[in-house]
Amino acid sequence: MNRLGLIGASLLLLLAVVGSTLFVVDQRQFGVVYQLGQIRSVITEPGLNFKLPPPFQNVSYIDKRLLTLESSDAEPMLTAEKQRVVIDWYVRWRIAEPQEYIRNVGLDERAGALQLTRVVRNSFQQEVNKRSVNELLSTRRDQLMGDVLGQVLAAVRSAEKPWGMDVVDVRINRIDYFETITESVYRRMEAERQQVANQLRSTGAAEGEQIRASADRQREVTLANAYREAQKVKGEGDAEAARTYAEAFGRDPAFAQFYRSLEAYKTSFAKKSDVMVMDPSSDFFKAMRSSSVGAAAK
C-alpha cells in the first residue's frame, strides 16, 4: 500500500509539473513568458505552448484587442478667449509591441490607460488654448482632433522611450461650457432670442399697421367711388324722371296742376288723426274749388 501510494503521489506530482509547463494563449491576448523576472519570449499566435515550470518561467497575458479610453474628469480647459470649457473625448488604442509596452509603460492595460489619459489631456489643453469657442464648435473640430492625435502619436512613438502601443483615433463627444458659466450663457442666449423675438414682433406690428392703413384707404376710396357713381346714377334718374314728368305734364297743364294738388292733399292728410287749420280761400284748396275739377275728373 505504501508503495502504491508513493507511485500515485509521484504520478500526481509529475502531472502537476507537466501541467505547469503548458499554457494556452487566447486569440485576443499576447502571452508573455518571464524567466527570473526578465521577458523570455512573447507569444503572439493563439494555441498551446510550453515553458519551464515555475519558478524558472512564468507567463502573463496582455490584451491585444482595440481598446477604448474615455475621459473620466470634468476639469475645465481655457480657450483663447479665456473661456472655461469641458471636453468629453475618447481614444481608440491597442498594444502593438508587448515588450516595449511592459518595459516603458507597465504590466497591464490600466497602466497604459493612465499614461495615455495624461498625454491626451495635455494635448487637448495645448490645442484648446490656441482656439476660440467658435472654432471649437465649428467644422475646425476635425482639425483639433487631428492635431491632438498627432501630438499623442509623437509621444507614444518616441525614439528614446517608445510605448509599444498604437493610437488609432482621437474623437470628441461633446464640448460644453463649464458648469459655473453655463447658466450665464443660457441667460445671454435667452436675452438674445428675446431681443430677436421683440424685433420680429415690432416688425410684424408695423407691417400690420401698414396693411390696415392701406386697407382702410382702399375702403374709403372704394366707398367714395361707389357713392360718386350712385349719385351720378341717381342724378341721371332724377333728370330722366323730371324730363318725363315735364313732357307728360306739358301736354295738359291743367291736369298736371290738378295732379300735383292731389299729391299734396295725399301727403298732408296721410293719417286720419291729422288736423289742419287753414283759410278755405287759400290757394291750397284752389284745385277743389276750380270749376275744372269735374272736367278733370271726367
C-alpha atoms as a PDB file:
ATOM      1  CA  MET A   1       0.000   0.000   0.000  1.00  0.00           C
ATOM      2  CA  ASN A   2       2.813   2.391   0.808  1.00  0.00           C
ATOM      3  CA  ARG A   3       4.421   1.587  -2.497  1.00  0.00           C
ATOM      4  CA  LEU A   4       1.179   2.198  -4.401  1.00  0.00           C
ATOM      5  CA  GLY A   5       0.664   5.463  -2.567  1.00  0.00           C
ATOM      6  CA  LEU A   6       4.167   6.584  -3.421  1.00  0.00           C
ATOM      7  CA  ILE A   7       3.620   5.745  -7.073  1.00  0.00           C
ATOM      8  CA  GLY A   8       0.306   7.627  -7.087  1.00  0.00           C
ATOM      9  CA  ALA A   9       1.827  10.663  -5.438  1.00  0.00           C
ATOM     10  CA  SER A  10       4.718  10.585  -7.903  1.00  0.00           C
ATOM     11  CA  LEU A  11       2.290  10.452 -10.836  1.00  0.00           C
ATOM     12  CA  LEU A  12       0.296  13.357  -9.448  1.00  0.00           C
ATOM     13  CA  LEU A  13       3.469  15.348  -8.931  1.00  0.00           C
ATOM     14  CA  LEU A  14       4.596  14.532 -12.455  1.00  0.00           C
ATOM     15  CA  LEU A  15       1.215  15.594 -13.863  1.00  0.00           C
ATOM     16  CA  ALA A  16       1.406  18.853 -11.905  1.00  0.00           C
ATOM     17  CA  VAL A  17       4.890  19.563 -13.213  1.00  0.00           C
ATOM     18  CA  VAL A  18       3.857  18.764 -16.793  1.00  0.00           C
ATOM     19  CA  GLY A  19       0.700  20.866 -16.417  1.00  0.00           C
ATOM     20  CA  SER A  20       2.737  23.818 -15.191  1.00  0.00           C
ATOM     21  CA  THR A  21       4.786  23.670 -18.390  1.00  0.00           C
ATOM     22  CA  LEU A  22       1.709  24.026 -20.625  1.00  0.00           C
ATOM     23  CA  PHE A  23      -0.271  27.214 -21.215  1.00  0.00           C
ATOM     24  CA  VAL A  24      -2.841  28.360 -23.750  1.00  0.00           C
ATOM     25  CA  VAL A  25      -2.748  31.736 -25.433  1.00  0.00           C
ATOM     26  CA  ASP A  26      -6.156  33.129 -26.440  1.00  0.00           C
ATOM     27  CA  GLN A  27      -6.551  34.801 -29.826  1.00  0.00           C
ATOM     28  CA  ARG A  28      -7.443  38.063 -28.013  1.00  0.00           C
ATOM     29  CA  GLN A  29      -4.236  38.135 -25.955  1.00  0.00           C
ATOM     30  CA  PHE A  30      -0.484  38.209 -26.028  1.00  0.00           C
ATOM     31  CA  GLY A  31       1.328  35.617 -23.892  1.00  0.00           C
ATOM     32  CA  VAL A  32       4.458  36.987 -22.199  1.00  0.00           C
ATOM     33  CA  VAL A  33       6.892  34.410 -20.791  1.00  0.00           C
ATOM     34  CA  TYR A  34       9.138  35.627 -17.939  1.00  0.00           C
ATOM     35  CA  GLN A  35      12.325  33.906 -16.846  1.00  0.00           C
ATOM     36  CA  LEU A  36      13.656  35.014 -13.489  1.00  0.00           C
ATOM     37  CA  GLY A  37      11.837  38.370 -13.842  1.00  0.00           C
ATOM     38  CA  GLN A  38      13.043  39.029 -17.398  1.00  0.00           C
ATOM     39  CA  ILE A  39      10.971  38.736 -20.571  1.00  0.00           C
ATOM     40  CA  ARG A  40      11.985  35.489 -22.248  1.00  0.00           C
ATOM     41  CA  SER A  41       9.557  35.483 -25.174  1.00  0.00           C
ATOM     42  CA  VAL A  42       6.249  36.894 -26.391  1.00  0.00           C
ATOM     43  CA  ILE A  43       3.640  34.570 -27.882  1.00  0.00           C
ATOM     44  CA  THR A  44       1.543  36.415 -30.477  1.00  0.00           C
ATOM     45  CA  GLU A  45      -0.285  33.447 -32.062  1.00  0.00           C
ATOM     46  CA  PRO A  46      -3.114  31.601 -30.284  1.00  0.00           C
ATOM     47  CA  GLY A  47      -2.629  27.969 -29.281  1.00  0.00           C
ATOM     48  CA  LEU A  48      -0.969  25.572 -26.839  1.00  0.00           C
ATOM     49  CA  ASN A  49       2.578  26.460 -25.770  1.00  0.00           C
ATOM     50  CA  PHE A  50       5.310  25.125 -23.486  1.00  0.00           C
ATOM     51  CA  LYS A  51       7.547  26.699 -20.845  1.00  0.00           C
ATOM     52  CA  LEU A  52       9.668  25.711 -17.913  1.00  0.00           C
ATOM     53  CA  PRO A  53       7.835  25.065 -14.678  1.00  0.00           C
ATOM     54  CA  PRO A  54       7.757  27.782 -12.011  1.00  0.00           C
ATOM     55  CA  PRO A  55       9.780  29.361 -10.592  1.00  0.00           C
ATOM     56  CA  PHE A  56      12.011  29.128 -13.626  1.00  0.00           C
ATOM     57  CA  GLN A  57       9.476  30.589 -16.012  1.00  0.00           C
ATOM     58  CA  ASN A  58       6.097  32.283 -15.562  1.00  0.00           C
ATOM     59  CA  VAL A  59       3.536  33.570 -18.045  1.00  0.00           C
ATOM     60  CA  SER A  60       1.230  36.625 -18.047  1.00  0.00           C
ATOM     61  CA  TYR A  61      -1.295  37.873 -20.564  1.00  0.00           C
ATOM     62  CA  ILE A  62      -1.909  41.276 -22.142  1.00  0.00           C
ATOM     63  CA  ASP A  63      -4.969  42.230 -24.183  1.00  0.00           C
ATOM     64  CA  LYS A  64      -4.215  42.682 -27.897  1.00  0.00           C
ATOM     65  CA  ARG A  65      -7.682  43.950 -28.905  1.00  0.00           C
ATOM     66  CA  LEU A  66      -8.584  47.511 -29.875  1.00  0.00           C
ATOM     67  CA  LEU A  67      -9.377  49.303 -26.600  1.00  0.00           C
ATOM     68  CA  THR A  68     -11.415  52.408 -25.855  1.00  0.00           C
ATOM     69  CA  LEU A  69     -10.274  55.029 -23.375  1.00  0.00           C
ATOM     70  CA  GLU A  70     -12.851  57.639 -22.351  1.00  0.00           C
ATOM     71  CA  SER A  71     -12.286  60.882 -20.471  1.00  0.00           C
ATOM     72  CA  SER A  72     -13.140  60.499 -16.809  1.00  0.00           C
ATOM     73  CA  ASP A  73     -12.635  64.015 -15.390  1.00  0.00           C
ATOM     74  CA  ALA A  74     -14.579  67.228 -15.854  1.00  0.00           C
ATOM     75  CA  GLU A  75     -11.746  69.668 -15.255  1.00  0.00           C
ATOM     76  CA  PRO A  76     -12.212  72.738 -17.484  1.00  0.00           C
ATOM     77  CA  MET A  77      -9.805  73.962 -20.153  1.00  0.00           C
ATOM     78  CA  LEU A  78      -9.171  77.574 -21.155  1.00  0.00           C
ATOM     79  CA  THR A  79      -9.779  78.729 -24.723  1.00  0.00           C
ATOM     80  CA  ALA A  80      -8.005  81.581 -26.500  1.00  0.00           C
ATOM     81  CA  GLU A  81     -10.657  83.979 -25.077  1.00  0.00           C
ATOM     82  CA  LYS A  82     -10.075  82.589 -21.556  1.00  0.00           C
ATOM     83  CA  GLN A  83     -13.426  80.818 -21.587  1.00  0.00           C
ATOM     84  CA  ARG A  84     -13.662  77.683 -19.439  1.00  0.00           C
ATOM     85  CA  VAL A  85     -14.919  74.682 -21.430  1.00  0.00           C
ATOM     86  CA  VAL A  86     -15.216  70.969 -20.690  1.00  0.00           C
ATOM     87  CA  ILE A  87     -14.349  68.474 -23.444  1.00  0.00           C
ATOM     88  CA  ASP A  88     -15.674  64.923 -23.387  1.00  0.00           C
ATOM     89  CA  TRP A  89     -13.336  62.783 -25.520  1.00  0.00           C
ATOM     90  CA  TYR A  90     -12.415  59.178 -26.209  1.00  0.00           C
ATOM     91  CA  VAL A  91      -9.373  57.387 -27.702  1.00  0.00           C
ATOM     92  CA  ARG A  92      -9.122  54.098 -29.604  1.00  0.00           C
ATOM     93  CA  TRP A  93      -5.811  52.351 -28.954  1.00  0.00           C
ATOM     94  CA  ARG A  94      -4.120  48.950 -28.824  1.00  0.00           C
ATOM     95  CA  ILE A  95      -0.888  47.348 -27.581  1.00  0.00           C
ATOM     96  CA  ALA A  96       1.338  46.693 -30.598  1.00  0.00           C
ATOM     97  CA  GLU A  97       4.713  45.762 -29.050  1.00  0.00           C
ATOM     98  CA  PRO A  98       4.280  43.934 -25.724  1.00  0.00           C
ATOM     99  CA  GLN A  99       7.985  44.042 -24.764  1.00  0.00           C
ATOM    100  CA  GLU A 100       8.291  47.805 -25.258  1.00  0.00           C
ATOM    101  CA  TYR A 101       4.944  48.312 -23.537  1.00  0.00           C
ATOM    102  CA  ILE A 102       5.978  46.311 -20.450  1.00  0.00           C
ATOM    103  CA  ARG A 103       9.403  47.967 -20.220  1.00  0.00           C
ATOM    104  CA  ASN A 104       8.253  51.585 -20.698  1.00  0.00           C
ATOM    105  CA  VAL A 105       4.604  51.685 -19.604  1.00  0.00           C
ATOM    106  CA  GLY A 106       3.504  48.881 -17.292  1.00  0.00           C
ATOM    107  CA  LEU A 107       2.429  45.301 -16.854  1.00  0.00           C
ATOM    108  CA  ASP A 108      -1.267  45.668 -17.707  1.00  0.00           C
ATOM    109  CA  GLU A 109      -3.754  47.757 -19.723  1.00  0.00           C
ATOM    110  CA  ARG A 110      -4.557  50.036 -16.777  1.00  0.00           C
ATOM    111  CA  ALA A 111      -1.018  51.417 -16.744  1.00  0.00           C
ATOM    112  CA  GLY A 112      -1.284  52.314 -20.437  1.00  0.00           C
ATOM    113  CA  ALA A 113      -4.701  53.935 -19.920  1.00  0.00           C
ATOM    114  CA  LEU A 114      -3.339  56.143 -17.129  1.00  0.00           C
ATOM    115  CA  GLN A 115      -0.335  57.264 -19.166  1.00  0.00           C
ATOM    116  CA  LEU A 116      -2.452  57.834 -22.265  1.00  0.00           C
ATOM    117  CA  THR A 117      -5.045  59.870 -20.341  1.00  0.00           C
ATOM    118  CA  ARG A 118      -2.352  62.261 -19.136  1.00  0.00           C
ATOM    119  CA  VAL A 119      -0.895  62.738 -22.630  1.00  0.00           C
ATOM    120  CA  VAL A 120      -4.264  63.183 -24.350  1.00  0.00           C
ATOM    121  CA  ARG A 121      -5.459  65.713 -21.782  1.00  0.00           C
ATOM    122  CA  ASN A 122      -2.257  67.774 -22.054  1.00  0.00           C
ATOM    123  CA  SER A 123      -2.518  67.714 -25.848  1.00  0.00           C
ATOM    124  CA  PHE A 124      -6.146  68.891 -25.733  1.00  0.00           C
ATOM    125  CA  GLN A 125      -5.203  71.679 -23.318  1.00  0.00           C
ATOM    126  CA  GLN A 126      -2.454  72.943 -25.643  1.00  0.00           C
ATOM    127  CA  GLU A 127      -4.685  72.887 -28.718  1.00  0.00           C
ATOM    128  CA  VAL A 128      -7.722  74.393 -26.969  1.00  0.00           C
ATOM    129  CA  ASN A 129      -5.585  77.302 -25.737  1.00  0.00           C
ATOM    130  CA  LYS A 130      -4.943  78.231 -29.384  1.00  0.00           C
ATOM    131  CA  ARG A 131      -8.593  78.293 -30.451  1.00  0.00           C
ATOM    132  CA  SER A 132     -11.738  80.285 -29.739  1.00  0.00           C
ATOM    133  CA  VAL A 133     -15.069  78.814 -28.713  1.00  0.00           C
ATOM    134  CA  ASN A 134     -16.497  79.354 -32.199  1.00  0.00           C
ATOM    135  CA  GLU A 135     -13.598  77.446 -33.716  1.00  0.00           C
ATOM    136  CA  LEU A 136     -14.118  74.585 -31.288  1.00  0.00           C
ATOM    137  CA  LEU A 137     -17.815  74.369 -32.157  1.00  0.00           C
ATOM    138  CA  SER A 138     -17.368  74.798 -35.911  1.00  0.00           C
ATOM    139  CA  THR A 139     -16.016  72.462 -38.575  1.00  0.00           C
ATOM    140  CA  ARG A 140     -12.481  73.094 -37.281  1.00  0.00           C
ATOM    141  CA  ARG A 141     -13.144  70.464 -34.642  1.00  0.00           C
ATOM    142  CA  ASP A 142     -11.767  67.905 -37.115  1.00  0.00           C
ATOM    143  CA  GLN A 143      -8.533  69.869 -37.297  1.00  0.00           C
ATOM    144  CA  LEU A 144      -8.396  69.988 -33.491  1.00  0.00           C
ATOM    145  CA  MET A 145      -8.786  66.203 -33.217  1.00  0.00           C
ATOM    146  CA  GLY A 146      -6.150  65.684 -35.921  1.00  0.00           C
ATOM    147  CA  ASP A 147      -3.652  67.935 -34.133  1.00  0.00           C
ATOM    148  CA  VAL A 148      -4.255  66.167 -30.811  1.00  0.00           C
ATOM    149  CA  LEU A 149      -3.804  62.771 -32.480  1.00  0.00           C
ATOM    150  CA  GLY A 150      -0.516  63.941 -33.959  1.00  0.00           C
ATOM    151  CA  GLN A 151       0.809  65.041 -30.560  1.00  0.00           C
ATOM    152  CA  VAL A 152      -0.272  61.785 -28.914  1.00  0.00           C
ATOM    153  CA  LEU A 153       1.369  59.673 -31.614  1.00  0.00           C
ATOM    154  CA  ALA A 154       4.578  61.683 -31.264  1.00  0.00           C
ATOM    155  CA  ALA A 155       4.580  60.943 -27.525  1.00  0.00           C
ATOM    156  CA  VAL A 156       3.863  57.211 -27.726  1.00  0.00           C
ATOM    157  CA  ARG A 157       6.285  56.663 -30.631  1.00  0.00           C
ATOM    158  CA  SER A 158       9.190  58.476 -29.027  1.00  0.00           C
ATOM    159  CA  ALA A 159      12.506  57.158 -30.290  1.00  0.00           C
ATOM    160  CA  GLU A 160      14.042  57.317 -26.827  1.00  0.00           C
ATOM    161  CA  LYS A 161      11.235  55.569 -24.983  1.00  0.00           C
ATOM    162  CA  PRO A 162       8.552  54.036 -27.251  1.00  0.00           C
ATOM    163  CA  TRP A 163       5.385  52.959 -25.523  1.00  0.00           C
ATOM    164  CA  GLY A 164       4.750  49.931 -27.702  1.00  0.00           C
ATOM    165  CA  MET A 165       1.178  50.997 -28.401  1.00  0.00           C
ATOM    166  CA  ASP A 166      -0.704  52.284 -31.414  1.00  0.00           C
ATOM    167  CA  VAL A 167      -3.286  55.091 -31.100  1.00  0.00           C
ATOM    168  CA  VAL A 168      -5.858  54.670 -33.861  1.00  0.00           C
ATOM    169  CA  ASP A 169      -8.157  57.649 -33.324  1.00  0.00           C
ATOM    170  CA  VAL A 170      -8.987  60.570 -31.032  1.00  0.00           C
ATOM    171  CA  ARG A 171     -12.569  61.844 -31.031  1.00  0.00           C
ATOM    172  CA  ILE A 172     -14.633  64.497 -29.249  1.00  0.00           C
ATOM    173  CA  ASN A 173     -18.054  63.507 -27.943  1.00  0.00           C
ATOM    174  CA  ARG A 174     -19.106  66.866 -26.536  1.00  0.00           C
ATOM    175  CA  ILE A 175     -17.823  70.386 -25.921  1.00  0.00           C
ATOM    176  CA  ASP A 176     -19.664  72.408 -23.286  1.00  0.00           C
ATOM    177  CA  TYR A 177     -19.146  75.414 -21.093  1.00  0.00           C
ATOM    178  CA  PHE A 178     -18.045  74.829 -17.528  1.00  0.00           C
ATOM    179  CA  GLU A 179     -20.929  74.443 -15.090  1.00  0.00           C
ATOM    180  CA  THR A 180     -20.289  77.758 -13.328  1.00  0.00           C
ATOM    181  CA  ILE A 181     -20.786  79.784 -16.520  1.00  0.00           C
ATOM    182  CA  THR A 182     -23.397  77.620 -18.227  1.00  0.00           C
ATOM    183  CA  GLU A 183     -26.256  79.471 -16.532  1.00  0.00           C
ATOM    184  CA  SER A 184     -24.926  82.884 -17.578  1.00  0.00           C
ATOM    185  CA  VAL A 185     -24.510  81.618 -21.146  1.00  0.00           C
ATOM    186  CA  TYR A 186     -28.086  80.370 -21.140  1.00  0.00           C
ATOM    187  CA  ARG A 187     -29.305  83.725 -19.825  1.00  0.00           C
ATOM    188  CA  ARG A 188     -27.384  85.542 -22.540  1.00  0.00           C
ATOM    189  CA  MET A 189     -28.765  83.215 -25.205  1.00  0.00           C
ATOM    190  CA  GLU A 190     -32.272  83.733 -23.810  1.00  0.00           C
ATOM    191  CA  ALA A 191     -31.807  87.522 -23.889  1.00  0.00           C
ATOM    192  CA  GLU A 192     -30.595  87.358 -27.483  1.00  0.00           C
ATOM    193  CA  ARG A 193     -33.546  85.209 -28.522  1.00  0.00           C
ATOM    194  CA  GLN A 194     -35.906  87.553 -26.659  1.00  0.00           C
ATOM    195  CA  GLN A 195     -34.394  90.521 -28.481  1.00  0.00           C
ATOM    196  CA  VAL A 196     -34.899  88.806 -31.818  1.00  0.00           C
ATOM    197  CA  ALA A 197     -38.481  87.918 -30.837  1.00  0.00           C
ATOM    198  CA  ASN A 198     -39.234  91.523 -29.827  1.00  0.00           C
ATOM    199  CA  GLN A 199     -37.762  92.788 -33.077  1.00  0.00           C
ATOM    200  CA  LEU A 200     -39.913  90.356 -35.052  1.00  0.00           C
ATOM    201  CA  ARG A 201     -42.989  91.416 -33.087  1.00  0.00           C
ATOM    202  CA  SER A 202     -42.237  95.097 -33.723  1.00  0.00           C
ATOM    203  CA  THR A 203     -41.703  94.440 -37.414  1.00  0.00           C
ATOM    204  CA  GLY A 204     -44.919  92.442 -37.565  1.00  0.00           C
ATOM    205  CA  ALA A 205     -46.868  95.151 -35.720  1.00  0.00           C
ATOM    206  CA  ALA A 206     -45.537  97.854 -38.079  1.00  0.00           C
ATOM    207  CA  GLU A 207     -46.375  95.778 -41.134  1.00  0.00           C
ATOM    208  CA  GLY A 208     -49.814  95.054 -39.669  1.00  0.00           C
ATOM    209  CA  GLU A 209     -50.497  98.770 -39.140  1.00  0.00           C
ATOM    210  CA  GLN A 210     -49.325  99.461 -42.688  1.00  0.00           C
ATOM    211  CA  ILE A 211     -51.605  96.763 -44.087  1.00  0.00           C
ATOM    212  CA  ARG A 212     -54.582  98.023 -42.046  1.00  0.00           C
ATOM    213  CA  ALA A 213     -53.951 101.638 -43.125  1.00  0.00           C
ATOM    214  CA  SER A 214     -53.720 100.555 -46.758  1.00  0.00           C
ATOM    215  CA  ALA A 215     -56.934  98.530 -46.420  1.00  0.00           C
ATOM    216  CA  ASP A 216     -58.749 101.471 -44.765  1.00  0.00           C
ATOM    217  CA  ARG A 217     -57.538 103.811 -47.510  1.00  0.00           C
ATOM    218  CA  GLN A 218     -58.706 101.408 -50.215  1.00  0.00           C
ATOM    219  CA  ARG A 219     -62.031 101.072 -48.404  1.00  0.00           C
ATOM    220  CA  GLU A 220     -62.517 104.833 -48.298  1.00  0.00           C
ATOM    221  CA  VAL A 221     -61.577 105.155 -51.973  1.00  0.00           C
ATOM    222  CA  THR A 222     -63.941 102.329 -52.909  1.00  0.00           C
ATOM    223  CA  LEU A 223     -66.818 103.845 -50.887  1.00  0.00           C
ATOM    224  CA  ALA A 224     -66.172 107.290 -52.366  1.00  0.00           C
ATOM    225  CA  ASN A 225     -66.137 105.929 -55.890  1.00  0.00           C
ATOM    226  CA  ALA A 226     -69.307 103.953 -55.214  1.00  0.00           C
ATOM    227  CA  TYR A 227     -71.036 106.989 -53.676  1.00  0.00           C
ATOM    228  CA  ARG A 228     -69.993 109.160 -56.611  1.00  0.00           C
ATOM    229  CA  GLU A 229     -71.261 106.566 -59.061  1.00  0.00           C
ATOM    230  CA  ALA A 230     -74.522 106.199 -57.103  1.00  0.00           C
ATOM    231  CA  GLN A 231     -75.054 109.958 -57.028  1.00  0.00           C
ATOM    232  CA  LYS A 232     -74.329 110.103 -60.736  1.00  0.00           C
ATOM    233  CA  VAL A 233     -76.872 107.374 -61.459  1.00  0.00           C
ATOM    234  CA  LYS A 234     -79.386 108.988 -59.084  1.00  0.00           C
ATOM    235  CA  GLY A 235     -78.928 112.359 -60.740  1.00  0.00           C
ATOM    236  CA  GLU A 236     -79.369 110.845 -64.166  1.00  0.00           C
ATOM    237  CA  GLY A 237     -82.519 109.059 -62.925  1.00  0.00           C
ATOM    238  CA  ASP A 238     -83.912 112.244 -61.352  1.00  0.00           C
ATOM    239  CA  ALA A 239     -83.166 114.136 -64.539  1.00  0.00           C
ATOM    240  CA  GLU A 240     -84.865 111.489 -66.615  1.00  0.00           C
ATOM    241  CA  ALA A 241     -87.855 111.451 -64.253  1.00  0.00           C
ATOM    242  CA  ALA A 242     -88.111 115.244 -64.338  1.00  0.00           C
ATOM    243  CA  ARG A 243     -87.914 115.211 -68.112  1.00  0.00           C
ATOM    244  CA  THR A 244     -90.613 112.535 -68.279  1.00  0.00           C
ATOM    245  CA  TYR A 245     -92.824 114.464 -65.846  1.00  0.00           C
ATOM    246  CA  ALA A 246     -92.278 117.693 -67.749  1.00  0.00           C
ATOM    247  CA  GLU A 247     -93.077 116.052 -71.040  1.00  0.00           C
ATOM    248  CA  ALA A 248     -96.198 114.409 -69.634  1.00  0.00           C
ATOM    249  CA  PHE A 249     -97.399 117.494 -67.759  1.00  0.00           C
ATOM    250  CA  GLY A 250     -96.665 119.706 -70.738  1.00  0.00           C
ATOM    251  CA  ARG A 251     -99.387 118.027 -72.735  1.00  0.00           C
ATOM    252  CA  ASP A 252    -102.139 119.038 -70.233  1.00  0.00           C
ATOM    253  CA  PRO A 253    -101.089 121.777 -67.769  1.00  0.00           C
ATOM    254  CA  ALA A 254    -104.499 121.844 -66.060  1.00  0.00           C
ATOM    255  CA  PHE A 255    -104.387 118.133 -65.348  1.00  0.00           C
ATOM    256  CA  ALA A 256    -100.820 118.444 -64.177  1.00  0.00           C
ATOM    257  CA  GLN A 257    -101.815 121.170 -61.733  1.00  0.00           C
ATOM    258  CA  PHE A 258    -104.713 119.060 -60.514  1.00  0.00           C
ATOM    259  CA  TYR A 259    -102.467 116.012 -60.111  1.00  0.00           C
ATOM    260  CA  ARG A 260     -99.943 117.956 -58.087  1.00  0.00           C
ATOM    261  CA  SER A 261    -102.687 119.239 -55.828  1.00  0.00           C
ATOM    262  CA  LEU A 262    -103.962 115.718 -55.218  1.00  0.00           C
ATOM    263  CA  GLU A 263    -100.417 114.595 -54.332  1.00  0.00           C
ATOM    264  CA  ALA A 264    -100.156 117.489 -51.900  1.00  0.00           C
ATOM    265  CA  TYR A 265    -103.534 116.586 -50.328  1.00  0.00           C
ATOM    266  CA  LYS A 266    -102.458 112.973 -50.070  1.00  0.00           C
ATOM    267  CA  THR A 267     -99.238 113.919 -48.335  1.00  0.00           C
ATOM    268  CA  SER A 268    -100.927 116.425 -45.993  1.00  0.00           C
ATOM    269  CA  PHE A 269    -103.736 114.085 -44.901  1.00  0.00           C
ATOM    270  CA  ALA A 270    -101.689 110.881 -44.551  1.00  0.00           C
ATOM    271  CA  LYS A 271    -103.355 109.975 -41.224  1.00  0.00           C
ATOM    272  CA  LYS A 272    -106.966 110.159 -40.125  1.00  0.00           C
ATOM    273  CA  SER A 273    -105.956 111.942 -36.976  1.00  0.00           C
ATOM    274  CA  ASP A 274    -104.211 114.746 -38.863  1.00  0.00           C
ATOM    275  CA  VAL A 275    -105.872 118.133 -38.361  1.00  0.00           C
ATOM    276  CA  MET A 276    -105.094 121.265 -40.369  1.00  0.00           C
ATOM    277  CA  VAL A 277    -106.415 124.731 -39.690  1.00  0.00           C
ATOM    278  CA  MET A 278    -106.327 126.729 -42.929  1.00  0.00           C
ATOM    279  CA  ASP A 279    -108.215 129.511 -44.671  1.00  0.00           C
ATOM    280  CA  PRO A 280    -110.650 127.959 -47.181  1.00  0.00           C
ATOM    281  CA  SER A 281    -109.871 130.781 -49.537  1.00  0.00           C
ATOM    282  CA  SER A 282    -106.213 129.741 -49.592  1.00  0.00           C
ATOM    283  CA  ASP A 283    -104.619 128.633 -52.850  1.00  0.00           C
ATOM    284  CA  PHE A 284    -104.059 125.225 -51.239  1.00  0.00           C
ATOM    285  CA  PHE A 285    -107.753 124.312 -51.979  1.00  0.00           C
ATOM    286  CA  LYS A 286    -107.779 126.023 -55.348  1.00  0.00           C
ATOM    287  CA  ALA A 287    -107.943 122.713 -57.189  1.00  0.00           C
ATOM    288  CA  MET A 288    -111.020 121.693 -55.221  1.00  0.00           C
ATOM    289  CA  ARG A 289    -112.783 124.969 -55.855  1.00  0.00           C
ATOM    290  CA  SER A 290    -111.904 125.080 -59.513  1.00  0.00           C
ATOM    291  CA  SER A 291    -114.787 124.608 -61.983  1.00  0.00           C
ATOM    292  CA  SER A 292    -112.483 122.333 -63.941  1.00  0.00           C
ATOM    293  CA  VAL A 293    -112.476 119.663 -61.277  1.00  0.00           C
ATOM    294  CA  GLY A 294    -115.396 117.913 -62.772  1.00  0.00           C
ATOM    295  CA  ALA A 295    -113.918 118.096 -66.229  1.00  0.00           C
ATOM    296  CA  ALA A 296    -110.547 116.828 -64.956  1.00  0.00           C
ATOM    297  CA  ALA A 297    -112.321 114.023 -63.157  1.00  0.00           C
ATOM    298  CA  LYS A 298    -114.114 113.146 -66.372  1.00  0.00           C
END
